[in-house]
PDB file of N, CA and C in Angstrom:
ATOM      1  N   MET A   1     -20.670  15.525  28.554  1.00  0.00           N
ATOM      2  CA  MET A   1     -22.272  16.508  27.480  1.00  0.00           C
ATOM      3  C   MET A   1     -22.892  16.837  28.387  1.00  0.00           C
ATOM      4  N   ILE A   2     -23.470  17.536  27.782  1.00  0.00           N
ATOM      5  CA  ILE A   2     -25.399  17.581  28.246  1.00  0.00           C
ATOM      6  C   ILE A   2     -25.943  16.727  27.336  1.00  0.00           C
ATOM      7  N   ALA A   3     -26.970  16.341  28.120  1.00  0.00           N
ATOM      8  CA  ALA A   3     -27.765  15.483  28.472  1.00  0.00           C
ATOM      9  C   ALA A   3     -28.713  15.458  27.692  1.00  0.00           C
ATOM     10  N   ARG A   4     -29.157  14.525  26.928  1.00  0.00           N
ATOM     11  CA  ARG A   4     -29.894  14.494  25.628  1.00  0.00           C
ATOM     12  C   ARG A   4     -31.580  15.499  25.518  1.00  0.00           C
ATOM     13  N   THR A   5     -32.283  14.697  27.076  1.00  0.00           N
ATOM     14  CA  THR A   5     -33.339  15.844  27.113  1.00  0.00           C
ATOM     15  C   THR A   5     -32.929  17.255  27.312  1.00  0.00           C
ATOM     16  N   LYS A   6     -31.694  18.018  27.855  1.00  0.00           N
ATOM     17  CA  LYS A   6     -31.625  18.777  27.777  1.00  0.00           C
ATOM     18  C   LYS A   6     -31.615  19.847  26.762  1.00  0.00           C
ATOM     19  N   VAL A   7     -30.992  19.222  25.675  1.00  0.00           N
ATOM     20  CA  VAL A   7     -30.777  19.862  24.868  1.00  0.00           C
ATOM     21  C   VAL A   7     -31.543  19.668  23.773  1.00  0.00           C
ATOM     22  N   GLU A   8     -32.898  18.676  23.737  1.00  0.00           N
ATOM     23  CA  GLU A   8     -34.026  19.240  23.149  1.00  0.00           C
ATOM     24  C   GLU A   8     -34.728  19.846  23.702  1.00  0.00           C
ATOM     25  N   LYS A   9     -34.633  20.495  24.952  1.00  0.00           N
ATOM     26  CA  LYS A   9     -35.799  21.418  25.722  1.00  0.00           C
ATOM     27  C   LYS A   9     -35.296  22.352  24.972  1.00  0.00           C
ATOM     28  N   ILE A  10     -33.788  22.917  24.889  1.00  0.00           N
ATOM     29  CA  ILE A  10     -33.275  24.465  25.272  1.00  0.00           C
ATOM     30  C   ILE A  10     -33.290  24.663  23.355  1.00  0.00           C
ATOM     31  N   VAL A  11     -32.727  23.658  22.804  1.00  0.00           N
ATOM     32  CA  VAL A  11     -32.331  24.291  21.406  1.00  0.00           C
ATOM     33  C   VAL A  11     -33.025  23.367  20.322  1.00  0.00           C
ATOM     34  N   GLY A  12     -33.813  22.027  20.615  1.00  0.00           N
ATOM     35  CA  GLY A  12     -34.974  21.479  19.768  1.00  0.00           C
ATOM     36  C   GLY A  12     -34.391  19.994  19.570  1.00  0.00           C
ATOM     37  N   LYS A  13     -35.604  19.514  18.878  1.00  0.00           N
ATOM     38  CA  LYS A  13     -35.475  18.188  18.906  1.00  0.00           C
ATOM     39  C   LYS A  13     -34.616  17.817  17.596  1.00  0.00           C
ATOM     40  N   PRO A  14     -34.920  18.240  16.411  1.00  0.00           N
ATOM     41  CA  PRO A  14     -33.620  18.416  15.459  1.00  0.00           C
ATOM     42  C   PRO A  14     -32.252  17.866  15.602  1.00  0.00           C
ATOM     43  N   PHE A  15     -32.273  18.783  16.732  1.00  0.00           N
ATOM     44  CA  PHE A  15     -30.823  19.368  16.730  1.00  0.00           C
ATOM     45  C   PHE A  15     -29.921  18.235  17.621  1.00  0.00           C
ATOM     46  N   ALA A  16     -31.093  17.610  18.424  1.00  0.00           N
ATOM     47  CA  ALA A  16     -30.931  16.467  19.190  1.00  0.00           C
ATOM     48  C   ALA A  16     -30.537  15.516  18.944  1.00  0.00           C
ATOM     49  N   ASP A  17     -31.351  15.747  17.546  1.00  0.00           N
ATOM     50  CA  ASP A  17     -31.377  13.905  16.556  1.00  0.00           C
ATOM     51  C   ASP A  17     -29.942  13.699  15.924  1.00  0.00           C
ATOM     52  N   LYS A  18     -29.681  15.168  15.519  1.00  0.00           N
ATOM     53  CA  LYS A  18     -28.323  14.908  14.563  1.00  0.00           C
ATOM     54  C   LYS A  18     -26.912  15.001  15.692  1.00  0.00           C
ATOM     55  N   LEU A  19     -27.009  14.909  17.003  1.00  0.00           N
ATOM     56  CA  LEU A  19     -25.896  14.434  17.571  1.00  0.00           C
ATOM     57  C   LEU A  19     -25.646  13.094  17.790  1.00  0.00           C
ATOM     58  N   ASP A  20     -26.558  12.418  17.270  1.00  0.00           N
ATOM     59  CA  ASP A  20     -26.653  10.443  17.657  1.00  0.00           C
ATOM     60  C   ASP A  20     -26.746   9.876  16.228  1.00  0.00           C
ATOM     61  N   GLU A  21     -26.541  10.998  15.485  1.00  0.00           N
ATOM     62  CA  GLU A  21     -26.100  10.326  13.683  1.00  0.00           C
ATOM     63  C   GLU A  21     -24.787  10.506  13.569  1.00  0.00           C
ATOM     64  N   PRO A  22     -24.546   8.881  12.909  1.00  0.00           N
ATOM     65  CA  PRO A  22     -23.378   8.845  12.531  1.00  0.00           C
ATOM     66  C   PRO A  22     -22.485   9.843  11.323  1.00  0.00           C
ATOM     67  N   VAL A  23     -21.541  10.537  12.113  1.00  0.00           N
ATOM     68  CA  VAL A  23     -20.349  11.075  11.718  1.00  0.00           C
ATOM     69  C   VAL A  23     -19.008  10.448  10.567  1.00  0.00           C
ATOM     70  N   PHE A  24     -18.924   9.459  11.386  1.00  0.00           N
ATOM     71  CA  PHE A  24     -17.631   8.662  11.329  1.00  0.00           C
ATOM     72  C   PHE A  24     -18.336   6.939  11.133  1.00  0.00           C
ATOM     73  N   LYS A  25     -18.263   7.040   9.681  1.00  0.00           N
ATOM     74  CA  LYS A  25     -18.698   5.084   9.523  1.00  0.00           C
ATOM     75  C   LYS A  25     -17.898   4.289   8.753  1.00  0.00           C
ATOM     76  N   VAL A  26     -17.199   3.780   8.917  1.00  0.00           N
ATOM     77  CA  VAL A  26     -16.312   2.596   7.970  1.00  0.00           C
ATOM     78  C   VAL A  26     -16.385   1.221   8.158  1.00  0.00           C
ATOM     79  N   ASN A  27     -17.360   0.548   7.588  1.00  0.00           N
ATOM     80  CA  ASN A  27     -18.139  -1.032   8.230  1.00  0.00           C
ATOM     81  C   ASN A  27     -18.994  -1.080   8.730  1.00  0.00           C
ATOM     82  N   ASN A  28     -18.357  -1.559  10.248  1.00  0.00           N
ATOM     83  CA  ASN A  28     -19.198  -1.614  11.428  1.00  0.00           C
ATOM     84  C   ASN A  28     -18.326  -0.306  12.624  1.00  0.00           C
ATOM     85  N   TRP A  29     -17.529   0.340  11.988  1.00  0.00           N
ATOM     86  CA  TRP A  29     -16.687   0.983  13.143  1.00  0.00           C
ATOM     87  C   TRP A  29     -17.629   2.603  12.718  1.00  0.00           C
ATOM     88  N   VAL A  30     -17.963   2.744  13.845  1.00  0.00           N
ATOM     89  CA  VAL A  30     -18.912   4.157  13.621  1.00  0.00           C
ATOM     90  C   VAL A  30     -19.006   5.060  14.879  1.00  0.00           C
ATOM     91  N   TYR A  31     -19.014   5.777  14.545  1.00  0.00           N
ATOM     92  CA  TYR A  31     -18.563   6.723  15.588  1.00  0.00           C
ATOM     93  C   TYR A  31     -20.074   8.006  15.368  1.00  0.00           C
ATOM     94  N   THR A  32     -21.326   8.916  16.384  1.00  0.00           N
ATOM     95  CA  THR A  32     -22.308   9.118  16.115  1.00  0.00           C
ATOM     96  C   THR A  32     -21.087  10.734  16.334  1.00  0.00           C
ATOM     97  N   ARG A  33     -21.574  11.655  16.101  1.00  0.00           N
ATOM     98  CA  ARG A  33     -21.209  13.220  16.542  1.00  0.00           C
ATOM     99  C   ARG A  33     -21.310  13.227  18.285  1.00  0.00           C
ATOM    100  N   ARG A  34     -21.802  12.744  19.144  1.00  0.00           N
ATOM    101  CA  ARG A  34     -21.747  12.630  20.606  1.00  0.00           C
ATOM    102  C   ARG A  34     -21.125  11.639  20.836  1.00  0.00           C
ATOM    103  N   GLN A  35     -20.762  10.389  20.489  1.00  0.00           N
ATOM    104  CA  GLN A  35     -19.303   9.981  20.745  1.00  0.00           C
ATOM    105  C   GLN A  35     -18.469  10.840  20.467  1.00  0.00           C
ATOM    106  N   MET A  36     -18.443  10.820  18.888  1.00  0.00           N
ATOM    107  CA  MET A  36     -16.944  11.698  19.083  1.00  0.00           C
ATOM    108  C   MET A  36     -16.341  12.696  19.964  1.00  0.00           C
ATOM    109  N   VAL A  37     -17.949  13.563  20.173  1.00  0.00           N
ATOM    110  CA  VAL A  37     -17.104  14.496  21.050  1.00  0.00           C
ATOM    111  C   VAL A  37     -16.878  13.656  22.657  1.00  0.00           C
ATOM    112  N   GLU A  38     -17.644  13.196  23.092  1.00  0.00           N
ATOM    113  CA  GLU A  38     -17.715  12.572  24.690  1.00  0.00           C
ATOM    114  C   GLU A  38     -16.553  11.435  24.405  1.00  0.00           C
ATOM    115  N   ASP A  39     -16.148  10.642  23.997  1.00  0.00           N
ATOM    116  CA  ASP A  39     -15.414   9.646  23.472  1.00  0.00           C
ATOM    117  C   ASP A  39     -13.779   9.809  22.937  1.00  0.00           C
ATOM    118  N   VAL A  40     -14.128   9.905  21.932  1.00  0.00           N
ATOM    119  CA  VAL A  40     -12.751  10.809  21.482  1.00  0.00           C
ATOM    120  C   VAL A  40     -12.368  11.818  21.042  1.00  0.00           C
ATOM    121  N   GLY A  41     -13.077  13.020  21.968  1.00  0.00           N
ATOM    122  CA  GLY A  41     -12.434  14.060  21.998  1.00  0.00           C
ATOM    123  C   GLY A  41     -12.119  15.223  21.294  1.00  0.00           C
ATOM    124  N   CYS A  42     -13.062  14.693  20.025  1.00  0.00           N
ATOM    125  CA  CYS A  42     -12.863  15.476  18.894  1.00  0.00           C
ATOM    126  C   CYS A  42     -14.411  15.770  18.276  1.00  0.00           C
ATOM    127  N   ALA A  43     -14.302  17.721  17.711  1.00  0.00           N
ATOM    128  CA  ALA A  43     -15.517  17.455  17.194  1.00  0.00           C
ATOM    129  C   ALA A  43     -15.811  18.160  16.086  1.00  0.00           C
ATOM    130  N   ASN A  44     -14.348  17.787  14.985  1.00  0.00           N
ATOM    131  CA  ASN A  44     -15.007  18.309  13.678  1.00  0.00           C
ATOM    132  C   ASN A  44     -14.977  17.339  12.652  1.00  0.00           C
ATOM    133  N   PHE A  45     -16.329  17.415  12.573  1.00  0.00           N
ATOM    134  CA  PHE A  45     -16.944  16.300  11.669  1.00  0.00           C
ATOM    135  C   PHE A  45     -16.604  16.224  10.816  1.00  0.00           C
ATOM    136  N   ILE A  46     -16.283  17.425   9.910  1.00  0.00           N
ATOM    137  CA  ILE A  46     -16.556  17.542   8.221  1.00  0.00           C
ATOM    138  C   ILE A  46     -14.807  16.559   8.514  1.00  0.00           C
ATOM    139  N   ALA A  47     -13.894  16.577   9.106  1.00  0.00           N
ATOM    140  CA  ALA A  47     -12.583  16.277   8.928  1.00  0.00           C
ATOM    141  C   ALA A  47     -12.394  14.379   9.043  1.00  0.00           C
ATOM    142  N   ALA A  48     -13.179  14.207  10.224  1.00  0.00           N
ATOM    143  CA  ALA A  48     -13.696  12.761  10.544  1.00  0.00           C
ATOM    144  C   ALA A  48     -14.763  12.331   9.119  1.00  0.00           C
ATOM    145  N   SER A  49     -15.626  12.721   8.848  1.00  0.00           N
ATOM    146  CA  SER A  49     -16.137  12.230   7.548  1.00  0.00           C
ATOM    147  C   SER A  49     -15.220  12.153   6.060  1.00  0.00           C
ATOM    148  N   ARG A  50     -14.540  12.988   6.224  1.00  0.00           N
ATOM    149  CA  ARG A  50     -13.333  13.049   5.298  1.00  0.00           C
ATOM    150  C   ARG A  50     -12.395  11.417   4.839  1.00  0.00           C
ATOM    151  N   LEU A  51     -11.923  11.653   6.373  1.00  0.00           N
ATOM    152  CA  LEU A  51     -11.062   9.988   7.092  1.00  0.00           C
ATOM    153  C   LEU A  51     -11.982   9.302   6.568  1.00  0.00           C
ATOM    154  N   ALA A  52     -13.294   8.958   6.975  1.00  0.00           N
ATOM    155  CA  ALA A  52     -14.026   7.831   7.212  1.00  0.00           C
ATOM    156  C   ALA A  52     -14.371   7.640   6.016  1.00  0.00           C
ATOM    157  N   LYS A  53     -13.911   8.387   4.642  1.00  0.00           N
ATOM    158  CA  LYS A  53     -14.262   8.188   3.430  1.00  0.00           C
ATOM    159  C   LYS A  53     -12.552   7.424   2.779  1.00  0.00           C
ATOM    160  N   VAL A  54     -11.522   8.645   3.211  1.00  0.00           N
ATOM    161  CA  VAL A  54     -10.605   7.593   2.907  1.00  0.00           C
ATOM    162  C   VAL A  54     -10.418   6.373   3.220  1.00  0.00           C
ATOM    163  N   LEU A  55     -10.194   6.125   4.069  1.00  0.00           N
ATOM    164  CA  LEU A  55     -10.034   4.618   5.072  1.00  0.00           C
ATOM    165  C   LEU A  55     -11.273   3.631   4.278  1.00  0.00           C
ATOM    166  N   ARG A  56     -12.278   4.029   4.009  1.00  0.00           N
ATOM    167  CA  ARG A  56     -13.288   2.641   3.306  1.00  0.00           C
ATOM    168  C   ARG A  56     -12.240   3.028   1.826  1.00  0.00           C
ATOM    169  N   ARG A  57     -11.826   3.576   1.350  1.00  0.00           N
ATOM    170  CA  ARG A  57     -11.323   3.641   0.147  1.00  0.00           C
ATOM    171  C   ARG A  57     -10.076   2.887  -0.154  1.00  0.00           C
ATOM    172  N   LEU A  58      -9.858   2.689   1.454  1.00  0.00           N
ATOM    173  CA  LEU A  58      -7.879   1.895   1.301  1.00  0.00           C
ATOM    174  C   LEU A  58      -8.023   0.740   1.934  1.00  0.00           C
ATOM    175  N   GLY A  59      -9.710   0.323   2.665  1.00  0.00           N
ATOM    176  CA  GLY A  59      -9.855  -0.851   2.944  1.00  0.00           C
ATOM    177  C   GLY A  59     -10.016  -1.129   4.561  1.00  0.00           C
ATOM    178  N   VAL A  60      -9.439   0.001   5.183  1.00  0.00           N
ATOM    179  CA  VAL A  60      -9.398   0.008   6.491  1.00  0.00           C
ATOM    180  C   VAL A  60     -10.437   0.121   7.466  1.00  0.00           C
ATOM    181  N   ALA A  61     -10.273  -1.063   8.130  1.00  0.00           N
ATOM    182  CA  ALA A  61     -11.680  -1.535   8.922  1.00  0.00           C
ATOM    183  C   ALA A  61     -11.915  -1.298  10.073  1.00  0.00           C
ATOM    184  N   GLY A  62     -10.416  -0.553  10.867  1.00  0.00           N
ATOM    185  CA  GLY A  62     -10.820  -0.731  12.764  1.00  0.00           C
ATOM    186  C   GLY A  62      -9.630   0.281  12.911  1.00  0.00           C
ATOM    187  N   ALA A  63      -9.278   0.503  14.338  1.00  0.00           N
ATOM    188  CA  ALA A  63      -8.136   1.088  14.861  1.00  0.00           C
ATOM    189  C   ALA A  63      -7.095   0.490  14.562  1.00  0.00           C
ATOM    190  N   GLY A  64      -7.355  -0.878  14.683  1.00  0.00           N
ATOM    191  CA  GLY A  64      -5.940  -1.523  14.389  1.00  0.00           C
ATOM    192  C   GLY A  64      -5.571  -1.494  13.104  1.00  0.00           C
ATOM    193  N   GLY A  65      -6.420  -1.395  11.813  1.00  0.00           N
ATOM    194  CA  GLY A  65      -5.449  -1.320  10.623  1.00  0.00           C
ATOM    195  C   GLY A  65      -5.248   0.249  10.094  1.00  0.00           C
ATOM    196  N   LEU A  66      -6.190   1.182  11.343  1.00  0.00           N
ATOM    197  CA  LEU A  66      -5.654   2.907  11.041  1.00  0.00           C
ATOM    198  C   LEU A  66      -3.880   2.700  11.582  1.00  0.00           C
ATOM    199  N   PHE A  67      -3.949   2.060  12.428  1.00  0.00           N
ATOM    200  CA  PHE A  67      -3.017   1.998  13.398  1.00  0.00           C
ATOM    201  C   PHE A  67      -1.483   1.383  12.421  1.00  0.00           C
ATOM    202  N   LYS A  68      -1.845   0.452  11.951  1.00  0.00           N
ATOM    203  CA  LYS A  68      -1.319  -0.544  11.017  1.00  0.00           C
ATOM    204  C   LYS A  68      -0.794   0.690   9.426  1.00  0.00           C
ATOM    205  N   LEU A  69      -1.666   1.246   9.059  1.00  0.00           N
ATOM    206  CA  LEU A  69      -1.806   2.424   7.898  1.00  0.00           C
ATOM    207  C   LEU A  69      -0.054   2.962   8.251  1.00  0.00           C
ATOM    208  N   ASP A  70       0.810   3.178   7.106  1.00  0.00           N
ATOM    209  CA  ASP A  70       1.438   4.264   7.100  1.00  0.00           C
ATOM    210  C   ASP A  70       1.085   5.416   7.401  1.00  0.00           C
ATOM    211  N   PRO A  71       1.439   6.242   8.484  1.00  0.00           N
ATOM    212  CA  PRO A  71       0.687   7.837   8.136  1.00  0.00           C
ATOM    213  C   PRO A  71       1.249   8.728   6.635  1.00  0.00           C
ATOM    214  N   ALA A  72       2.086   8.770   6.949  1.00  0.00           N
ATOM    215  CA  ALA A  72       3.231   9.443   5.595  1.00  0.00           C
ATOM    216  C   ALA A  72       1.899   9.047   4.384  1.00  0.00           C
ATOM    217  N   SER A  73       1.676   7.550   4.035  1.00  0.00           N
ATOM    218  CA  SER A  73       0.786   7.133   2.975  1.00  0.00           C
ATOM    219  C   SER A  73      -0.828   8.126   3.063  1.00  0.00           C
ATOM    220  N   LEU A  74      -0.641   8.409   4.301  1.00  0.00           N
ATOM    221  CA  LEU A  74      -2.510   8.562   5.032  1.00  0.00           C
ATOM    222  C   LEU A  74      -2.423  10.058   4.358  1.00  0.00           C
ATOM    223  N   ALA A  75      -1.460  10.615   4.561  1.00  0.00           N
ATOM    224  CA  ALA A  75      -1.030  12.058   4.447  1.00  0.00           C
ATOM    225  C   ALA A  75      -0.838  12.392   3.057  1.00  0.00           C
ATOM    226  N   ARG A  76      -0.482  12.003   2.497  1.00  0.00           N
ATOM    227  CA  ARG A  76      -0.328  12.232   1.150  1.00  0.00           C
ATOM    228  C   ARG A  76      -1.630  11.985  -0.105  1.00  0.00           C
ATOM    229  N   VAL A  77      -2.681  11.486   0.850  1.00  0.00           N
ATOM    230  CA  VAL A  77      -4.216  11.062   0.094  1.00  0.00           C
ATOM    231  C   VAL A  77      -4.659  12.690  -0.219  1.00  0.00           C
ATOM    232  N   ARG A  78      -5.085  12.668  -1.053  1.00  0.00           N
ATOM    233  CA  ARG A  78      -6.126  14.089  -1.765  1.00  0.00           C
ATOM    234  C   ARG A  78      -6.735  14.279  -0.673  1.00  0.00           C
ATOM    235  N   GLY A  79      -7.714  15.296   0.391  1.00  0.00           N
ATOM    236  CA  GLY A  79      -8.139  15.562   0.851  1.00  0.00           C
ATOM    237  C   GLY A  79      -8.123  15.112   2.185  1.00  0.00           C
ATOM    238  N   ILE A  80      -7.158  14.749   2.372  1.00  0.00           N
ATOM    239  CA  ILE A  80      -6.251  14.555   3.846  1.00  0.00           C
ATOM    240  C   ILE A  80      -5.506  15.365   4.427  1.00  0.00           C
ATOM    241  N   GLY A  81      -6.063  16.155   5.306  1.00  0.00           N
ATOM    242  CA  GLY A  81      -5.435  17.712   5.858  1.00  0.00           C
ATOM    243  C   GLY A  81      -4.687  17.453   7.233  1.00  0.00           C
ATOM    244  N   GLU A  82      -4.571  18.370   8.034  1.00  0.00           N
ATOM    245  CA  GLU A  82      -4.100  18.043   9.234  1.00  0.00           C
ATOM    246  C   GLU A  82      -5.117  17.880  10.332  1.00  0.00           C
ATOM    247  N   SER A  83      -6.303  18.918   9.524  1.00  0.00           N
ATOM    248  CA  SER A  83      -7.856  18.203  10.599  1.00  0.00           C
ATOM    249  C   SER A  83      -7.680  17.016  10.761  1.00  0.00           C
ATOM    250  N   SER A  84      -7.754  16.005   9.468  1.00  0.00           N
ATOM    251  CA  SER A  84      -7.765  14.974   9.479  1.00  0.00           C
ATOM    252  C   SER A  84      -6.922  13.990   9.717  1.00  0.00           C
ATOM    253  N   ILE A  85      -5.728  14.498  10.332  1.00  0.00           N
ATOM    254  CA  ILE A  85      -4.533  13.670  11.106  1.00  0.00           C
ATOM    255  C   ILE A  85      -4.731  13.642  12.397  1.00  0.00           C
ATOM    256  N   PHE A  86      -4.927  14.886  12.652  1.00  0.00           N
ATOM    257  CA  PHE A  86      -5.416  14.782  14.346  1.00  0.00           C
ATOM    258  C   PHE A  86      -6.795  14.398  14.378  1.00  0.00           C
ATOM    259  N   VAL A  87      -8.080  13.391  13.716  1.00  0.00           N
ATOM    260  CA  VAL A  87      -8.881  12.779  14.252  1.00  0.00           C
ATOM    261  C   VAL A  87      -8.433  11.779  13.990  1.00  0.00           C
ATOM    262  N   ALA A  88      -7.794  11.116  12.979  1.00  0.00           N
ATOM    263  CA  ALA A  88      -7.112   9.820  13.242  1.00  0.00           C
ATOM    264  C   ALA A  88      -6.008   9.855  14.624  1.00  0.00           C
ATOM    265  N   LEU A  89      -5.664  11.001  15.025  1.00  0.00           N
ATOM    266  CA  LEU A  89      -4.626  10.601  15.955  1.00  0.00           C
ATOM    267  C   LEU A  89      -5.736  10.505  17.447  1.00  0.00           C
ATOM    268  N   CYS A  90      -6.980  11.242  17.567  1.00  0.00           N
ATOM    269  CA  CYS A  90      -8.035  11.451  18.224  1.00  0.00           C
ATOM    270  C   CYS A  90      -8.259   9.751  18.465  1.00  0.00           C
ATOM    271  N   ILE A  91      -9.020   9.252  17.064  1.00  0.00           N
ATOM    272  CA  ILE A  91      -9.310   7.760  17.159  1.00  0.00           C
ATOM    273  C   ILE A  91      -8.334   7.083  17.868  1.00  0.00           C
ATOM    274  N   LEU A  92      -7.482   6.926  17.135  1.00  0.00           N
ATOM    275  CA  LEU A  92      -6.131   5.832  18.004  1.00  0.00           C
ATOM    276  C   LEU A  92      -5.567   6.114  19.349  1.00  0.00           C
ATOM    277  N   ASP A  93      -5.811   7.696  19.803  1.00  0.00           N
ATOM    278  CA  ASP A  93      -5.496   7.492  21.663  1.00  0.00           C
ATOM    279  C   ASP A  93      -6.512   7.203  22.051  1.00  0.00           C
ATOM    280  N   HIS A  94      -8.391   7.339  21.484  1.00  0.00           N
ATOM    281  CA  HIS A  94      -9.324   6.290  21.987  1.00  0.00           C
ATOM    282  C   HIS A  94      -9.151   5.063  21.983  1.00  0.00           C
ATOM    283  N   ALA A  95      -8.918   4.459  20.824  1.00  0.00           N
ATOM    284  CA  ALA A  95      -8.509   3.129  20.995  1.00  0.00           C
ATOM    285  C   ALA A  95      -7.577   2.620  21.762  1.00  0.00           C
ATOM    286  N   GLN A  96      -7.210   3.490  22.400  1.00  0.00           N
ATOM    287  CA  GLN A  96      -5.740   3.037  23.003  1.00  0.00           C
ATOM    288  C   GLN A  96      -4.175   2.518  22.667  1.00  0.00           C
ATOM    289  N   TYR A  97      -3.945   3.387  21.409  1.00  0.00           N
ATOM    290  CA  TYR A  97      -2.723   3.141  20.599  1.00  0.00           C
ATOM    291  C   TYR A  97      -2.204   3.931  21.059  1.00  0.00           C
ATOM    292  N   ASN A  98      -0.107   4.019  20.548  1.00  0.00           N
ATOM    293  CA  ASN A  98       0.419   4.860  21.249  1.00  0.00           C
ATOM    294  C   ASN A  98       0.918   5.367  19.860  1.00  0.00           C
ATOM    295  N   ILE A  99       0.125   7.533  20.012  1.00  0.00           N
ATOM    296  CA  ILE A  99      -0.173   7.875  18.645  1.00  0.00           C
ATOM    297  C   ILE A  99       1.710   8.356  18.213  1.00  0.00           C
ATOM    298  N   ASN A 100       2.594   8.067  19.093  1.00  0.00           N
ATOM    299  CA  ASN A 100       3.767   7.599  18.876  1.00  0.00           C
ATOM    300  C   ASN A 100       4.413   6.923  18.508  1.00  0.00           C
ATOM    301  N   ASP A 101       3.999   6.031  18.666  1.00  0.00           N
ATOM    302  CA  ASP A 101       4.492   4.979  17.407  1.00  0.00           C
ATOM    303  C   ASP A 101       3.721   4.611  16.785  1.00  0.00           C
ATOM    304  N   TRP A 102       3.014   5.634  16.599  1.00  0.00           N
ATOM    305  CA  TRP A 102       2.043   5.580  14.673  1.00  0.00           C
ATOM    306  C   TRP A 102       2.859   6.525  13.946  1.00  0.00           C
ATOM    307  N   TRP A 103       2.705   7.785  14.437  1.00  0.00           N
ATOM    308  CA  TRP A 103       3.629   9.089  13.846  1.00  0.00           C
ATOM    309  C   TRP A 103       4.895   8.885  14.124  1.00  0.00           C
ATOM    310  N   ASP A 104       5.708   7.957  13.959  1.00  0.00           N
ATOM    311  CA  ASP A 104       7.190   7.539  14.141  1.00  0.00           C
ATOM    312  C   ASP A 104       7.927   8.364  13.437  1.00  0.00           C
ATOM    313  N   THR A 105       7.682  10.054  13.344  1.00  0.00           N
ATOM    314  CA  THR A 105       8.848  10.771  12.548  1.00  0.00           C
ATOM    315  C   THR A 105       8.710  11.897  13.466  1.00  0.00           C
ATOM    316  N   GLU A 106       9.837  12.873  13.032  1.00  0.00           N
ATOM    317  CA  GLU A 106      10.390  14.219  14.101  1.00  0.00           C
ATOM    318  C   GLU A 106       9.378  15.059  13.006  1.00  0.00           C
ATOM    319  N   ALA A 107       9.223  14.415  11.767  1.00  0.00           N
ATOM    320  CA  ALA A 107       8.578  15.796  10.638  1.00  0.00           C
ATOM    321  C   ALA A 107       7.221  16.206  11.234  1.00  0.00           C
ATOM    322  N   LYS A 108       6.915  16.983  10.556  1.00  0.00           N
ATOM    323  CA  LYS A 108       5.561  17.575  11.064  1.00  0.00           C
ATOM    324  C   LYS A 108       4.733  17.389  10.000  1.00  0.00           C
ATOM    325  N   PHE A 109       3.491  17.272  10.149  1.00  0.00           N
ATOM    326  CA  PHE A 109       2.911  16.408   9.011  1.00  0.00           C
ATOM    327  C   PHE A 109       3.060  17.072   7.825  1.00  0.00           C
ATOM    328  N   ARG A 110       2.972  18.670   7.815  1.00  0.00           N
ATOM    329  CA  ARG A 110       3.035  19.550   6.574  1.00  0.00           C
ATOM    330  C   ARG A 110       4.280  19.530   5.696  1.00  0.00           C
ATOM    331  N   THR A 111       5.984  18.878   6.720  1.00  0.00           N
ATOM    332  CA  THR A 111       6.602  18.544   5.846  1.00  0.00           C
ATOM    333  C   THR A 111       6.735  17.226   5.502  1.00  0.00           C
ATOM    334  N   VAL A 112       5.776  16.165   6.271  1.00  0.00           N
ATOM    335  CA  VAL A 112       5.668  14.622   5.507  1.00  0.00           C
ATOM    336  C   VAL A 112       5.028  14.918   4.182  1.00  0.00           C
ATOM    337  N   LYS A 113       3.704  15.850   3.992  1.00  0.00           N
ATOM    338  CA  LYS A 113       2.742  15.709   2.496  1.00  0.00           C
ATOM    339  C   LYS A 113       3.936  16.588   1.822  1.00  0.00           C
ATOM    340  N   VAL A 114       4.718  17.366   1.923  1.00  0.00           N
ATOM    341  CA  VAL A 114       5.268  18.280   1.049  1.00  0.00           C
ATOM    342  C   VAL A 114       6.380  16.867   0.373  1.00  0.00           C
ATOM    343  N   ARG A 115       7.168  16.277   0.884  1.00  0.00           N
ATOM    344  CA  ARG A 115       7.862  15.450   1.036  1.00  0.00           C
ATOM    345  C   ARG A 115       7.709  14.233  -0.160  1.00  0.00           C
ATOM    346  N   LYS A 116       6.309  13.122   0.105  1.00  0.00           N
ATOM    347  CA  LYS A 116       5.733  12.656  -0.253  1.00  0.00           C
ATOM    348  C   LYS A 116       5.102  13.140  -1.888  1.00  0.00           C
ATOM    349  N   ALA A 117       4.704  14.405  -2.108  1.00  0.00           N
ATOM    350  CA  ALA A 117       4.316  14.851  -3.255  1.00  0.00           C
ATOM    351  C   ALA A 117       5.241  15.046  -4.065  1.00  0.00           C
ATOM    352  N   SER A 118       6.316  15.534  -3.333  1.00  0.00           N
ATOM    353  CA  SER A 118       7.851  15.829  -4.441  1.00  0.00           C
ATOM    354  C   SER A 118       8.329  14.781  -4.699  1.00  0.00           C
ATOM    355  N   ARG A 119       8.352  13.651  -4.127  1.00  0.00           N
ATOM    356  CA  ARG A 119       8.428  12.295  -4.340  1.00  0.00           C
ATOM    357  C   ARG A 119       8.100  11.975  -5.751  1.00  0.00           C
ATOM    358  N   ASN A 120       6.344  12.120  -5.378  1.00  0.00           N
ATOM    359  CA  ASN A 120       5.587  11.332  -6.654  1.00  0.00           C
ATOM    360  C   ASN A 120       5.314  12.566  -8.053  1.00  0.00           C
ATOM    361  N   GLY A 121       5.971  13.821  -8.006  1.00  0.00           N
ATOM    362  CA  GLY A 121       5.736  14.557  -8.747  1.00  0.00           C
ATOM    363  C   GLY A 121       4.353  15.971  -8.463  1.00  0.00           C
ATOM    364  N   HIS A 122       3.905  15.611  -7.485  1.00  0.00           N
ATOM    365  CA  HIS A 122       2.557  16.255  -7.479  1.00  0.00           C
ATOM    366  C   HIS A 122       3.185  17.571  -6.560  1.00  0.00           C
ATOM    367  N   GLU A 123       2.057  18.536  -6.908  1.00  0.00           N
ATOM    368  CA  GLU A 123       2.092  19.799  -5.978  1.00  0.00           C
ATOM    369  C   GLU A 123       1.179  19.788  -5.046  1.00  0.00           C
ATOM    370  N   VAL A 124       1.597  20.462  -3.544  1.00  0.00           N
ATOM    371  CA  VAL A 124       0.405  20.089  -2.663  1.00  0.00           C
ATOM    372  C   VAL A 124      -0.640  21.625  -2.635  1.00  0.00           C
TER     373      VAL A 124
END
């Protein structure tokens, strides 16, 4: 990623400051915008903040907790969409968890979401 000094010089300090603000925060588990781009490889900040909100509500405190969480249960939470699942996959991959083991079904996200919702009598 472009060095902070260059970003400040070209785009401005307020923008550079925003890059270093947390966008994903669950207890002590924090990623800034810059870390999301550089380390995690994902720049969908809205999906990251939604995922963080849901994980806080579910009591998931780290990548290990996310890995233990049933992805189908996460998928059925209101507000979790394909982008949030993608962010979760990126975070797990960055933490060196096997995303194939986590998403242990051949079904795509949409199929899992519809299946879970129909079992619970909800519409997607």
